[in-house]
């Protein structure tokens, strides 16, 4: 399709502005998890059958299919499971300083279970980040002040390395 086809009417087009209002329901498990974040706590759910503690929480264990309702307060520390160094923002614009998304295995959760978040205070250039960040490094959450929290994963500003 060419610009000419569009501008000279060779192709029929129409414009429509839909009313697209919606609300998202977090459900019981994620809703309680988010409320915990607002209180400065990381909560996981424990499966009584397979003995795993998972985060983010889910209403049913995906391994043994039993309901999970044993809430457990987890630490706000953990270990880097994997990470990436990005110089591209979410909107595909370029960044001057790197952003480092990482999967963090939270202390108290089962091994291999983690949350995706960002690392902070890791350096302003690729060389520094690569020299400091590694799989297996310990991290801790840096929280927003209590009065700024709203019950969102962003209530944790980022995770920083524990040196």
N, C-alpha and C. Protein backbone atom coordinates (compact mmCIF):
# COMPACT_ATOMS: atom_id res chain seq x y z
N UNK A 1 0.85 -1.16 0.00
CA UNK A 1 0.00 0.00 0.00
C UNK A 1 0.90 1.24 0.00
N UNK A 2 0.59 2.17 -0.82
CA UNK A 2 1.40 3.37 -0.94
C UNK A 2 0.70 4.56 -0.29
N UNK A 3 1.47 5.61 -0.02
CA UNK A 3 0.89 6.85 0.48
C UNK A 3 -0.11 7.41 -0.53
N UNK A 4 0.21 7.30 -1.80
CA UNK A 4 -0.66 7.80 -2.86
C UNK A 4 -2.02 7.09 -2.82
N UNK A 5 -2.01 5.78 -2.63
CA UNK A 5 -3.26 5.03 -2.57
C UNK A 5 -4.13 5.52 -1.41
N UNK A 6 -3.51 5.86 -0.31
CA UNK A 6 -4.27 6.35 0.84
C UNK A 6 -4.76 7.78 0.64
N UNK A 7 -3.89 8.65 0.13
CA UNK A 7 -4.24 10.07 0.04
C UNK A 7 -5.16 10.38 -1.13
N UNK A 8 -5.18 9.55 -2.16
CA UNK A 8 -6.02 9.83 -3.32
C UNK A 8 -7.29 8.99 -3.36
N UNK A 9 -7.57 8.31 -2.27
CA UNK A 9 -8.84 7.60 -2.18
C UNK A 9 -8.91 6.27 -2.89
N UNK A 10 -7.77 5.73 -3.29
CA UNK A 10 -7.78 4.42 -3.94
C UNK A 10 -8.10 3.31 -2.93
N UNK A 11 -7.89 3.61 -1.67
CA UNK A 11 -8.16 2.66 -0.60
C UNK A 11 -9.16 3.30 0.35
N UNK A 12 -10.18 2.57 0.72
CA UNK A 12 -11.18 3.10 1.65
C UNK A 12 -10.62 3.02 3.07
N UNK A 13 -10.70 4.13 3.77
CA UNK A 13 -10.30 4.16 5.18
C UNK A 13 -11.40 4.82 5.98
N UNK A 14 -11.40 4.54 7.24
CA UNK A 14 -12.35 5.18 8.15
C UNK A 14 -11.65 5.40 9.48
N UNK A 15 -12.13 6.36 10.22
CA UNK A 15 -11.60 6.62 11.55
C UNK A 15 -12.71 6.42 12.55
N UNK A 16 -12.33 5.86 13.68
CA UNK A 16 -13.31 5.57 14.71
C UNK A 16 -12.62 5.66 16.04
N UNK A 17 -13.21 6.35 16.97
CA UNK A 17 -12.65 6.48 18.31
C UNK A 17 -13.57 5.70 19.26
N UNK A 18 -13.10 4.53 19.64
CA UNK A 18 -13.90 3.68 20.51
C UNK A 18 -13.82 4.12 21.96
N UNK A 19 -14.84 3.81 22.71
CA UNK A 19 -14.84 4.06 24.15
C UNK A 19 -14.25 2.81 24.79
N UNK A 20 -13.00 2.90 25.21
CA UNK A 20 -12.28 1.73 25.66
C UNK A 20 -11.91 1.83 27.13
N UNK A 21 -12.86 2.10 27.96
CA UNK A 21 -12.61 2.17 29.39
C UNK A 21 -12.64 0.75 29.95
N UNK A 22 -11.73 0.48 30.86
CA UNK A 22 -11.72 -0.83 31.48
C UNK A 22 -11.09 -0.73 32.86
N UNK A 23 -11.33 -1.73 33.65
CA UNK A 23 -10.69 -1.86 34.95
C UNK A 23 -10.10 -3.25 35.02
N UNK A 24 -9.01 -3.36 35.71
CA UNK A 24 -8.33 -4.64 35.83
C UNK A 24 -8.47 -5.14 37.25
N UNK A 25 -8.96 -6.34 37.40
CA UNK A 25 -9.13 -6.96 38.71
C UNK A 25 -7.93 -7.86 38.97
N UNK A 26 -7.22 -7.60 40.05
CA UNK A 26 -6.02 -8.37 40.34
C UNK A 26 -6.33 -9.78 40.83
N UNK A 27 -7.53 -10.01 41.31
CA UNK A 27 -7.87 -11.30 41.88
C UNK A 27 -7.37 -11.40 43.32
N UNK A 28 -7.74 -12.48 43.99
CA UNK A 28 -7.43 -12.62 45.41
C UNK A 28 -5.93 -12.73 45.68
N UNK A 29 -5.24 -13.54 44.91
CA UNK A 29 -3.81 -13.78 45.17
C UNK A 29 -2.97 -12.54 44.89
N UNK A 30 -3.07 -12.00 43.69
CA UNK A 30 -2.25 -10.85 43.33
C UNK A 30 -2.70 -9.61 44.10
N UNK A 31 -4.00 -9.50 44.38
CA UNK A 31 -4.50 -8.37 45.16
C UNK A 31 -3.87 -8.31 46.54
N UNK A 32 -3.78 -9.45 47.21
CA UNK A 32 -3.15 -9.47 48.53
C UNK A 32 -1.65 -9.20 48.43
N UNK A 33 -1.02 -9.71 47.39
CA UNK A 33 0.40 -9.45 47.15
C UNK A 33 0.65 -7.95 47.00
N UNK A 34 -0.19 -7.29 46.20
CA UNK A 34 -0.06 -5.84 45.99
C UNK A 34 -0.31 -5.06 47.28
N UNK A 35 -1.28 -5.49 48.06
CA UNK A 35 -1.53 -4.84 49.35
C UNK A 35 -0.32 -4.98 50.27
N UNK A 36 0.33 -6.13 50.22
CA UNK A 36 1.55 -6.34 51.00
C UNK A 36 2.65 -5.38 50.57
N UNK A 37 2.80 -5.18 49.26
CA UNK A 37 3.81 -4.25 48.77
C UNK A 37 3.55 -2.84 49.30
N UNK A 38 2.29 -2.45 49.35
CA UNK A 38 1.95 -1.12 49.87
C UNK A 38 2.38 -1.00 51.33
N UNK A 39 2.35 -2.11 52.06
CA UNK A 39 2.79 -2.13 53.46
C UNK A 39 4.28 -2.39 53.61
N UNK A 40 5.00 -2.51 52.49
CA UNK A 40 6.43 -2.75 52.55
C UNK A 40 6.80 -4.20 52.80
N UNK A 41 5.90 -5.11 52.42
CA UNK A 41 6.15 -6.53 52.60
C UNK A 41 6.04 -7.28 51.28
N UNK A 42 6.89 -8.28 51.12
CA UNK A 42 6.80 -9.17 49.96
C UNK A 42 6.18 -10.47 50.45
N UNK A 43 5.02 -10.81 49.87
CA UNK A 43 4.29 -12.01 50.29
C UNK A 43 4.33 -13.07 49.20
N UNK A 44 4.47 -14.31 49.62
CA UNK A 44 4.40 -15.45 48.71
C UNK A 44 3.34 -16.41 49.20
N UNK A 45 3.00 -17.38 48.37
CA UNK A 45 2.06 -18.42 48.75
C UNK A 45 2.76 -19.76 48.77
N UNK A 46 2.42 -20.58 49.76
CA UNK A 46 3.04 -21.89 49.93
C UNK A 46 2.04 -22.97 49.55
N UNK A 47 2.52 -23.92 48.75
CA UNK A 47 1.71 -25.09 48.40
C UNK A 47 1.95 -26.15 49.46
N UNK A 48 0.89 -26.56 50.12
CA UNK A 48 1.03 -27.55 51.20
C UNK A 48 1.30 -28.96 50.67
N UNK A 49 1.01 -29.19 49.39
CA UNK A 49 1.25 -30.52 48.84
C UNK A 49 2.69 -30.69 48.35
N UNK A 50 3.18 -29.77 47.52
CA UNK A 50 4.54 -29.94 46.99
C UNK A 50 5.58 -29.12 47.76
N UNK A 51 5.11 -28.36 48.75
CA UNK A 51 5.99 -27.62 49.68
C UNK A 51 6.76 -26.48 49.02
N UNK A 52 6.28 -25.98 47.88
CA UNK A 52 6.94 -24.84 47.24
C UNK A 52 6.33 -23.54 47.74
N UNK A 53 7.15 -22.50 47.81
CA UNK A 53 6.67 -21.15 48.09
C UNK A 53 6.93 -20.33 46.85
N UNK A 54 5.86 -19.73 46.31
CA UNK A 54 5.98 -19.05 45.02
C UNK A 54 5.69 -17.56 45.13
N UNK A 55 6.33 -16.83 44.26
CA UNK A 55 6.13 -15.41 44.08
C UNK A 55 6.32 -15.13 42.60
N UNK A 56 5.49 -14.38 41.93
CA UNK A 56 4.26 -13.81 42.46
C UNK A 56 3.28 -14.92 42.82
N UNK A 57 2.40 -14.63 43.77
CA UNK A 57 1.47 -15.66 44.23
C UNK A 57 0.45 -16.04 43.17
N UNK A 58 -0.03 -17.27 43.26
CA UNK A 58 -1.08 -17.76 42.38
C UNK A 58 -2.10 -18.50 43.23
N UNK A 59 -3.32 -18.54 42.80
CA UNK A 59 -4.38 -19.19 43.57
C UNK A 59 -4.23 -20.71 43.58
N UNK A 60 -3.66 -21.27 42.50
CA UNK A 60 -3.48 -22.72 42.41
C UNK A 60 -2.04 -23.03 42.05
N UNK A 61 -1.51 -24.12 42.59
CA UNK A 61 -0.16 -24.58 42.27
C UNK A 61 -0.16 -25.13 40.84
N UNK A 62 0.73 -24.63 40.02
CA UNK A 62 0.77 -25.08 38.63
C UNK A 62 1.43 -26.45 38.48
N UNK A 63 2.01 -26.99 39.55
CA UNK A 63 2.61 -28.33 39.48
C UNK A 63 1.67 -29.43 39.95
N UNK A 64 0.96 -29.18 41.05
CA UNK A 64 0.08 -30.23 41.58
C UNK A 64 -1.40 -29.84 41.57
N UNK A 65 -1.72 -28.64 41.10
CA UNK A 65 -3.10 -28.19 40.87
C UNK A 65 -3.97 -28.09 42.12
N UNK A 66 -3.36 -27.91 43.27
CA UNK A 66 -4.16 -27.73 44.48
C UNK A 66 -4.23 -26.24 44.81
N UNK A 67 -5.32 -25.82 45.47
CA UNK A 67 -5.40 -24.42 45.87
C UNK A 67 -4.27 -24.07 46.84
N UNK A 68 -3.79 -22.85 46.74
CA UNK A 68 -2.73 -22.38 47.64
C UNK A 68 -3.30 -21.24 48.47
N UNK A 69 -3.20 -21.37 49.79
CA UNK A 69 -3.74 -20.32 50.65
C UNK A 69 -2.90 -20.08 51.89
N UNK A 70 -1.68 -20.60 51.92
CA UNK A 70 -0.79 -20.40 53.06
C UNK A 70 0.14 -19.23 52.74
N UNK A 71 -0.23 -18.03 53.20
CA UNK A 71 0.57 -16.83 52.94
C UNK A 71 1.83 -16.83 53.78
N UNK A 72 2.92 -16.40 53.18
CA UNK A 72 4.21 -16.37 53.85
C UNK A 72 4.88 -15.03 53.57
N UNK A 73 5.33 -14.37 54.63
CA UNK A 73 6.09 -13.13 54.46
C UNK A 73 7.51 -13.52 54.07
N UNK A 74 7.97 -12.98 52.95
CA UNK A 74 9.31 -13.27 52.45
C UNK A 74 10.24 -12.11 52.77
N UNK A 75 11.50 -12.33 52.60
CA UNK A 75 12.50 -11.28 52.80
C UNK A 75 12.44 -10.31 51.63
N UNK A 76 13.02 -9.14 51.78
CA UNK A 76 13.13 -8.24 50.63
C UNK A 76 14.55 -8.26 50.07
N UNK A 77 15.17 -9.42 50.22
CA UNK A 77 16.50 -9.69 49.67
C UNK A 77 16.40 -10.91 48.77
N UNK A 78 17.43 -11.12 47.96
CA UNK A 78 17.43 -12.28 47.09
C UNK A 78 18.70 -12.39 46.28
N UNK A 79 18.61 -13.16 45.21
CA UNK A 79 19.75 -13.48 44.36
C UNK A 79 19.35 -13.24 42.90
N UNK A 80 20.29 -12.71 42.12
CA UNK A 80 20.03 -12.52 40.69
C UNK A 80 20.04 -13.88 40.01
N UNK A 81 18.91 -14.22 39.36
CA UNK A 81 18.79 -15.47 38.62
C UNK A 81 19.28 -15.27 37.18
N UNK A 82 18.91 -14.16 36.58
CA UNK A 82 19.34 -13.79 35.24
C UNK A 82 19.14 -12.29 35.09
N UNK A 83 19.81 -11.69 34.11
CA UNK A 83 19.68 -10.25 33.90
C UNK A 83 20.03 -9.90 32.46
N UNK A 84 19.72 -8.67 32.11
CA UNK A 84 20.06 -8.15 30.79
C UNK A 84 20.48 -6.70 30.96
N UNK A 85 21.31 -6.21 30.08
CA UNK A 85 21.71 -4.80 30.09
C UNK A 85 21.10 -4.17 28.84
N UNK A 86 20.29 -3.15 29.06
CA UNK A 86 19.55 -2.54 27.95
C UNK A 86 19.87 -1.06 27.81
N UNK A 87 20.05 -0.64 26.58
CA UNK A 87 20.21 0.78 26.26
C UNK A 87 19.00 1.27 25.45
N UNK A 88 17.89 0.55 25.57
CA UNK A 88 16.66 0.89 24.86
C UNK A 88 15.52 0.98 25.86
N UNK A 89 14.75 2.06 25.80
CA UNK A 89 13.58 2.24 26.66
C UNK A 89 12.41 1.40 26.17
N UNK A 90 11.35 1.36 26.96
CA UNK A 90 10.15 0.59 26.60
C UNK A 90 9.55 1.07 25.29
N UNK A 91 9.74 2.34 24.95
CA UNK A 91 9.16 2.90 23.73
C UNK A 91 10.15 2.89 22.55
N UNK A 92 11.22 2.14 22.68
CA UNK A 92 12.25 1.94 21.65
C UNK A 92 13.16 3.14 21.46
N UNK A 93 13.09 4.14 22.33
CA UNK A 93 14.05 5.24 22.26
C UNK A 93 15.34 4.80 22.93
N UNK A 94 16.43 5.42 22.55
CA UNK A 94 17.74 5.06 23.07
C UNK A 94 17.96 5.68 24.45
N UNK A 95 18.73 4.99 25.28
CA UNK A 95 19.10 5.45 26.61
C UNK A 95 20.58 5.81 26.62
N UNK A 96 20.93 6.80 27.41
CA UNK A 96 22.35 7.14 27.60
C UNK A 96 22.99 6.22 28.64
N UNK A 97 22.23 5.90 29.67
CA UNK A 97 22.73 5.01 30.72
C UNK A 97 21.97 3.69 30.67
N UNK A 98 22.60 2.61 31.02
CA UNK A 98 21.94 1.31 30.90
C UNK A 98 20.85 1.10 31.95
N UNK A 99 19.84 0.35 31.55
CA UNK A 99 18.84 -0.15 32.49
C UNK A 99 19.08 -1.66 32.57
N UNK A 100 18.96 -2.20 33.78
CA UNK A 100 19.29 -3.61 33.98
C UNK A 100 18.09 -4.35 34.57
N UNK A 101 17.23 -4.93 33.70
CA UNK A 101 16.16 -5.78 34.21
C UNK A 101 16.75 -7.12 34.66
N UNK A 102 16.17 -7.68 35.73
CA UNK A 102 16.69 -8.94 36.26
C UNK A 102 15.56 -9.75 36.87
N UNK A 103 15.72 -11.05 36.85
CA UNK A 103 14.83 -11.93 37.61
C UNK A 103 15.50 -12.16 38.96
N UNK A 104 14.78 -11.82 40.02
CA UNK A 104 15.30 -11.93 41.38
C UNK A 104 14.62 -13.10 42.09
N UNK A 105 15.42 -14.05 42.55
CA UNK A 105 14.89 -15.13 43.39
C UNK A 105 14.85 -14.59 44.81
N UNK A 106 13.66 -14.35 45.32
CA UNK A 106 13.46 -13.74 46.63
C UNK A 106 13.76 -14.76 47.73
N UNK A 107 14.52 -14.33 48.74
CA UNK A 107 14.82 -15.20 49.87
C UNK A 107 13.53 -15.64 50.56
N UNK A 108 13.41 -16.93 50.77
CA UNK A 108 12.22 -17.50 51.39
C UNK A 108 11.31 -18.16 50.37
N UNK A 109 11.46 -17.82 49.09
CA UNK A 109 10.71 -18.49 48.03
C UNK A 109 11.50 -19.71 47.57
N UNK A 110 10.85 -20.59 46.86
CA UNK A 110 11.52 -21.80 46.38
C UNK A 110 12.56 -21.45 45.32
N UNK A 111 13.63 -22.24 45.23
CA UNK A 111 14.66 -22.00 44.22
C UNK A 111 14.07 -22.00 42.81
N UNK A 112 14.55 -21.09 41.99
CA UNK A 112 14.07 -20.99 40.62
C UNK A 112 12.82 -20.16 40.45
N UNK A 113 12.24 -19.70 41.56
CA UNK A 113 11.03 -18.89 41.52
C UNK A 113 11.42 -17.44 41.78
N UNK A 114 11.01 -16.53 40.90
CA UNK A 114 11.43 -15.15 41.11
C UNK A 114 10.49 -14.15 40.49
N UNK A 115 10.85 -12.88 40.68
CA UNK A 115 10.09 -11.79 40.08
C UNK A 115 11.01 -10.98 39.18
N UNK A 116 10.43 -10.40 38.15
CA UNK A 116 11.16 -9.54 37.24
C UNK A 116 11.11 -8.12 37.78
N UNK A 117 12.26 -7.50 37.91
CA UNK A 117 12.34 -6.12 38.37
C UNK A 117 13.59 -5.50 37.76
N UNK A 118 13.96 -4.31 38.20
CA UNK A 118 15.17 -3.67 37.69
C UNK A 118 16.20 -3.55 38.80
N UNK A 119 17.46 -3.53 38.39
CA UNK A 119 18.55 -3.28 39.31
C UNK A 119 18.89 -1.80 39.25
N UNK A 120 19.27 -1.22 40.36
CA UNK A 120 19.68 0.17 40.41
C UNK A 120 21.03 0.28 41.10
N UNK A 121 21.64 1.44 40.97
CA UNK A 121 22.93 1.73 41.58
C UNK A 121 24.01 0.75 41.12
N UNK A 122 23.95 0.37 39.82
CA UNK A 122 24.91 -0.61 39.31
C UNK A 122 25.95 0.00 38.38
N UNK A 123 25.81 1.28 38.07
CA UNK A 123 26.79 1.95 37.21
C UNK A 123 26.13 2.73 36.09
N UNK A 124 26.89 3.63 35.52
CA UNK A 124 26.38 4.53 34.48
C UNK A 124 26.84 4.13 33.08
N UNK A 125 27.66 3.07 32.97
CA UNK A 125 28.14 2.65 31.65
C UNK A 125 28.22 1.13 31.61
N UNK A 126 28.29 0.59 30.42
CA UNK A 126 28.29 -0.85 30.22
C UNK A 126 29.43 -1.54 30.94
N UNK A 127 30.61 -0.99 30.86
CA UNK A 127 31.79 -1.62 31.48
C UNK A 127 31.60 -1.77 32.99
N UNK A 128 31.10 -0.73 33.65
CA UNK A 128 30.88 -0.78 35.10
C UNK A 128 29.81 -1.80 35.46
N UNK A 129 28.69 -1.78 34.70
CA UNK A 129 27.60 -2.72 34.98
C UNK A 129 28.09 -4.15 34.84
N UNK A 130 28.76 -4.45 33.76
CA UNK A 130 29.23 -5.81 33.50
C UNK A 130 30.25 -6.26 34.55
N UNK A 131 31.03 -5.33 35.07
CA UNK A 131 32.02 -5.71 36.09
C UNK A 131 31.37 -5.94 37.46
N UNK A 132 30.17 -5.40 37.69
CA UNK A 132 29.54 -5.49 39.01
C UNK A 132 28.42 -6.52 39.08
N UNK A 133 27.63 -6.64 38.04
CA UNK A 133 26.43 -7.48 38.06
C UNK A 133 26.76 -8.87 37.56
N UNK A 134 26.27 -9.88 38.27
CA UNK A 134 26.48 -11.27 37.85
C UNK A 134 25.37 -12.15 38.42
N UNK A 135 25.09 -13.23 37.72
CA UNK A 135 24.14 -14.22 38.23
C UNK A 135 24.68 -14.73 39.56
N UNK A 136 23.79 -14.85 40.53
CA UNK A 136 24.18 -15.32 41.85
C UNK A 136 24.51 -14.23 42.85
N UNK A 137 24.63 -12.98 42.37
CA UNK A 137 24.92 -11.86 43.30
C UNK A 137 23.69 -11.58 44.16
N UNK A 138 23.95 -11.18 45.39
CA UNK A 138 22.89 -10.87 46.35
C UNK A 138 22.41 -9.43 46.14
N UNK A 139 21.10 -9.25 46.32
CA UNK A 139 20.48 -7.93 46.16
C UNK A 139 19.46 -7.71 47.27
N UNK A 140 19.11 -6.43 47.45
CA UNK A 140 18.03 -6.08 48.39
C UNK A 140 17.16 -5.00 47.77
N UNK A 141 15.89 -5.00 48.19
CA UNK A 141 14.92 -4.04 47.65
C UNK A 141 15.18 -2.65 48.19
N UNK A 142 14.99 -1.66 47.33
CA UNK A 142 14.99 -0.26 47.73
C UNK A 142 13.54 0.20 47.54
N UNK A 143 12.88 0.50 48.64
CA UNK A 143 11.46 0.82 48.64
C UNK A 143 11.20 2.31 48.49
N UNK A 144 10.06 2.64 47.93
CA UNK A 144 9.56 4.02 47.97
C UNK A 144 9.23 4.33 49.43
N UNK A 145 9.24 5.60 49.82
CA UNK A 145 8.76 5.94 51.16
C UNK A 145 7.31 5.47 51.33
N UNK A 146 6.94 5.09 52.54
CA UNK A 146 5.62 4.53 52.81
C UNK A 146 4.48 5.39 52.29
N UNK A 147 4.61 6.71 52.42
CA UNK A 147 3.52 7.59 51.99
C UNK A 147 3.37 7.68 50.47
N UNK A 148 4.35 7.19 49.72
CA UNK A 148 4.29 7.20 48.25
C UNK A 148 3.83 5.87 47.67
N UNK A 149 3.74 4.84 48.48
CA UNK A 149 3.38 3.52 47.96
C UNK A 149 1.89 3.46 47.61
N UNK A 150 1.60 2.70 46.55
CA UNK A 150 0.22 2.63 46.08
C UNK A 150 -0.28 1.21 45.83
N UNK A 151 0.48 0.21 46.25
CA UNK A 151 0.06 -1.17 46.02
C UNK A 151 0.40 -1.64 44.63
N UNK A 152 1.64 -1.41 44.22
CA UNK A 152 2.12 -1.75 42.89
C UNK A 152 3.54 -2.32 43.01
N UNK A 153 3.94 -3.11 42.02
CA UNK A 153 5.30 -3.65 42.04
C UNK A 153 6.33 -2.53 42.02
N UNK A 154 5.94 -1.36 41.54
CA UNK A 154 6.86 -0.21 41.53
C UNK A 154 7.00 0.43 42.92
N UNK A 155 6.30 -0.11 43.92
CA UNK A 155 6.56 0.33 45.30
C UNK A 155 7.98 -0.06 45.71
N UNK A 156 8.51 -1.07 45.05
CA UNK A 156 9.95 -1.35 45.14
C UNK A 156 10.57 -0.56 43.99
N UNK A 157 11.37 0.44 44.32
CA UNK A 157 11.97 1.27 43.25
C UNK A 157 12.88 0.43 42.37
N UNK A 158 13.74 -0.36 43.04
CA UNK A 158 14.68 -1.22 42.35
C UNK A 158 15.35 -2.12 43.38
N UNK A 159 16.15 -3.04 42.91
CA UNK A 159 16.98 -3.87 43.78
C UNK A 159 18.41 -3.40 43.61
N UNK A 160 19.14 -3.31 44.72
CA UNK A 160 20.54 -2.92 44.65
C UNK A 160 21.42 -4.07 45.14
N UNK A 161 22.63 -4.08 44.65
CA UNK A 161 23.59 -5.11 45.04
C UNK A 161 23.93 -4.98 46.51
N UNK A 162 24.07 -6.12 47.18
CA UNK A 162 24.56 -6.15 48.54
C UNK A 162 26.05 -6.50 48.43
N UNK A 163 26.90 -5.51 48.64
CA UNK A 163 28.34 -5.73 48.46
C UNK A 163 28.98 -6.35 49.67
